[in-house]
Protein backbone atom coordinates (compact mmCIF):
# COMPACT_ATOMS: atom_id res chain seq x y z
CA MET A 1 -15.25 -18.23 1.86
CA ILE A 2 -15.77 -14.27 1.72
CA PHE A 3 -16.58 -12.51 -1.51
CA PHE A 4 -16.28 -8.95 -1.97
CA CYS A 5 -17.36 -6.46 -5.09
CA SER A 6 -14.15 -5.46 -6.82
CA SER A 7 -16.15 -1.78 -7.59
CA CYS A 8 -17.66 -0.86 -3.35
CA TRP A 9 -15.63 -3.90 -1.62
CA CYS A 10 -18.97 -4.69 -0.41
CA GLU A 11 -19.85 -8.49 1.05
CA VAL A 12 -21.69 -10.37 -1.71
CA ARG A 13 -22.63 -13.67 -2.79
CA GLU A 14 -20.22 -15.59 -5.45
CA SER A 15 -22.60 -16.15 -8.02
CA ILE A 16 -23.89 -12.41 -8.58
CA GLN A 17 -22.68 -10.83 -11.75
CA VAL A 18 -24.54 -7.43 -10.74
CA CYS A 19 -23.65 -6.07 -6.94
CA PRO A 20 -26.73 -5.29 -5.37
CA HIS A 21 -25.08 -2.56 -3.49
CA CYS A 22 -23.29 -0.49 -6.48
CA LYS A 23 -25.25 -1.97 -9.32
CA VAL A 24 -21.70 -2.37 -11.45
CA ASP A 25 -21.74 -5.39 -13.82
CA VAL A 26 -19.09 -6.97 -11.83
CA GLU A 27 -17.47 -9.61 -14.37
CA ASP A 28 -17.54 -6.31 -16.57
CA GLN A 29 -15.94 -3.90 -15.00
CA SER A 30 -12.84 -6.69 -13.69
CA SER A 31 -12.07 -7.80 -17.17
CA ARG A 32 -11.39 -4.17 -18.27
CA GLN A 33 -9.73 -2.67 -15.74
CA ASP A 34 -5.52 -2.91 -16.20
CA TYR A 35 -3.46 -4.85 -13.29
CA ALA A 36 -2.61 -1.45 -11.89
CA LYS A 37 -5.64 0.01 -11.51
CA LYS A 38 -7.36 -3.17 -10.04
CA LEU A 39 -4.37 -3.00 -7.04
CA ILE A 40 -4.96 0.78 -6.48
CA GLY A 41 -8.97 -0.39 -6.09
CA ALA A 42 -7.52 -2.77 -3.72
CA LEU A 43 -6.14 -0.23 -1.42
CA ASP A 44 -9.83 0.05 -0.36
CA HIS A 45 -10.32 -3.19 0.46
CA PRO A 46 -11.77 -3.84 3.79
CA GLU A 47 -9.58 -7.09 4.91
CA PRO A 48 -6.40 -5.32 5.88
CA ARG A 49 -3.69 -7.67 4.37
CA THR A 50 -5.12 -6.51 0.53
CA PRO A 51 -4.41 -3.02 1.17
CA VAL A 52 -0.86 -4.24 2.18
CA ARG A 53 -0.36 -6.39 -0.19
CA ALA A 54 -1.22 -4.31 -2.94
CA ALA A 55 0.72 -1.08 -1.88
CA TRP A 56 3.90 -3.73 -1.66
CA ILE A 57 2.85 -4.83 -5.24
CA LEU A 58 2.95 -0.90 -6.71
CA GLY A 59 5.59 0.02 -4.65
CA MET A 60 7.35 -3.52 -6.40
CA ARG A 61 6.18 -2.00 -10.24
CA ARG A 62 7.30 2.23 -8.99
CA GLU A 63 3.11 2.54 -10.06
CA ALA A 64 3.58 6.18 -10.48
CA ARG A 65 -0.57 6.57 -10.54
CA ALA A 66 -0.47 5.26 -7.29
CA VAL A 67 0.81 8.01 -5.85
CA THR A 68 -2.42 9.92 -4.93
CA ARG A 69 -4.52 7.04 -3.68
CA LEU A 70 -0.73 5.76 -1.54
CA ALA A 71 -0.89 9.21 -0.18
CA ARG A 72 -4.19 9.67 1.03
CA LEU A 73 -4.28 6.24 2.19
CA VAL A 74 -0.91 7.12 4.66
CA GLN A 75 -3.26 10.02 6.35
CA GLU A 76 -6.17 8.67 6.32
CA SER A 77 -5.83 4.76 7.42
CA GLU A 78 -5.97 4.31 11.53
CA ASP A 79 -3.80 1.19 10.73
CA PRO A 80 -0.36 1.43 11.13
CA TYR A 81 0.55 -1.90 8.96
CA ILE A 82 -1.27 0.06 5.95
CA VAL A 83 -0.05 3.05 7.21
CA GLU A 84 3.64 1.62 6.78
CA ALA A 85 3.40 -0.06 3.32
CA ALA A 86 1.90 2.54 1.89
CA VAL A 87 4.81 4.54 2.76
CA GLU A 88 7.40 1.73 1.92
CA ALA A 89 5.63 1.99 -1.34
CA LEU A 90 5.44 5.70 -1.78
CA GLY A 91 9.46 5.57 -0.94
CA LYS A 92 9.74 2.97 -3.97
CA ILE A 93 8.36 4.32 -6.23
CA GLY A 94 9.93 7.94 -6.00
CA ASP A 95 7.42 10.51 -7.10
CA ARG A 96 7.60 13.40 -4.92
CA ALA A 97 3.86 14.07 -5.42
CA GLY A 98 4.47 12.09 -2.37
CA LEU A 99 6.97 13.57 -0.34
CA GLU A 100 4.15 15.80 2.07
CA ALA A 101 2.27 12.43 2.77
CA VAL A 102 5.88 11.13 3.61
CA ARG A 103 6.73 13.66 6.20
CA PHE A 104 2.91 13.17 7.96
CA ALA A 105 3.76 9.53 8.50
CA ALA A 106 7.39 10.76 9.65
CA ARG A 107 5.46 12.07 13.03
CA HIS A 108 3.13 8.76 13.16
CA GLY A 109 2.91 7.12 16.74
CA GLY A 110 4.19 3.91 14.94
CA VAL A 111 7.87 3.38 15.47
CA ARG A 112 8.15 1.31 12.31
CA VAL A 113 6.01 3.72 10.19
CA ARG A 114 8.58 6.55 11.62
CA GLU A 115 11.44 4.65 10.09
CA LYS A 116 9.92 3.51 6.98
CA ALA A 117 9.12 7.37 6.51
CA GLN A 118 12.42 8.93 7.16
CA ASP A 119 13.77 5.90 4.88
CA ALA A 120 10.93 7.06 2.03
CA ILE A 121 11.94 10.59 2.44
CA ASN A 122 15.58 9.56 1.68
CA LEU A 123 14.61 7.95 -1.42
CA ILE A 124 12.73 10.19 -2.83
CA GLN A 125 15.14 13.28 -2.14
CA GLY A 126 17.78 10.54 -3.78
CA THR A 127 20.17 11.27 -0.14
CA THR A 128 20.10 7.79 0.45
CA SER A 129 18.67 3.89 -0.14
CA PRO A 130 17.33 2.27 2.15
CA ARG A 131 18.44 0.06 5.50
CA PRO A 132 18.85 -3.00 5.23
CA ALA A 133 17.04 -5.41 7.42
CA PRO A 134 18.74 -6.14 10.63
CA SER A 135 19.96 -9.34 10.31
CA THR A 136 18.04 -12.83 11.85
CA GLU A 137 20.90 -15.00 12.14
CA PHE A 138 22.21 -15.64 15.58
CA GLY A 139 25.91 -14.91 17.19
CA GLU A 140 26.49 -12.24 14.15
CA GLY A 141 29.30 -10.22 14.96
CA ASP A 142 30.51 -12.85 17.36
CA SER A 143 34.33 -13.80 17.12
CA SER A 144 34.48 -16.65 19.07
């Protein structure tokens, strides 16, 4: 199993108390941070599923403290799945401070990112709710 410092996200041994890279007391820091701060910190995690998961949770919690970091992630990340998750979270949070980043994402090369960006713009501006996910059931709409 791989372990990471919760401050600098460098790979560390499981049993460390002080990170050899950033010199932070890992145990003390993790117990002092509130959940939202831990999630915001996880947006920088090197394992790509972690930032996606953290962005989703931040969006579900409508965590306004995450808007600045999510917006920066949209503009800096080269991973389309991370950008998509950050855009979706910004839309769910609904804070107009994230609108510029979401508009930036609307010009992204990935179709899914552009679609999430349009949904997020609509949510933030209050013009509509997000599109429902496409149905995966076979035969939907058949009249037979």
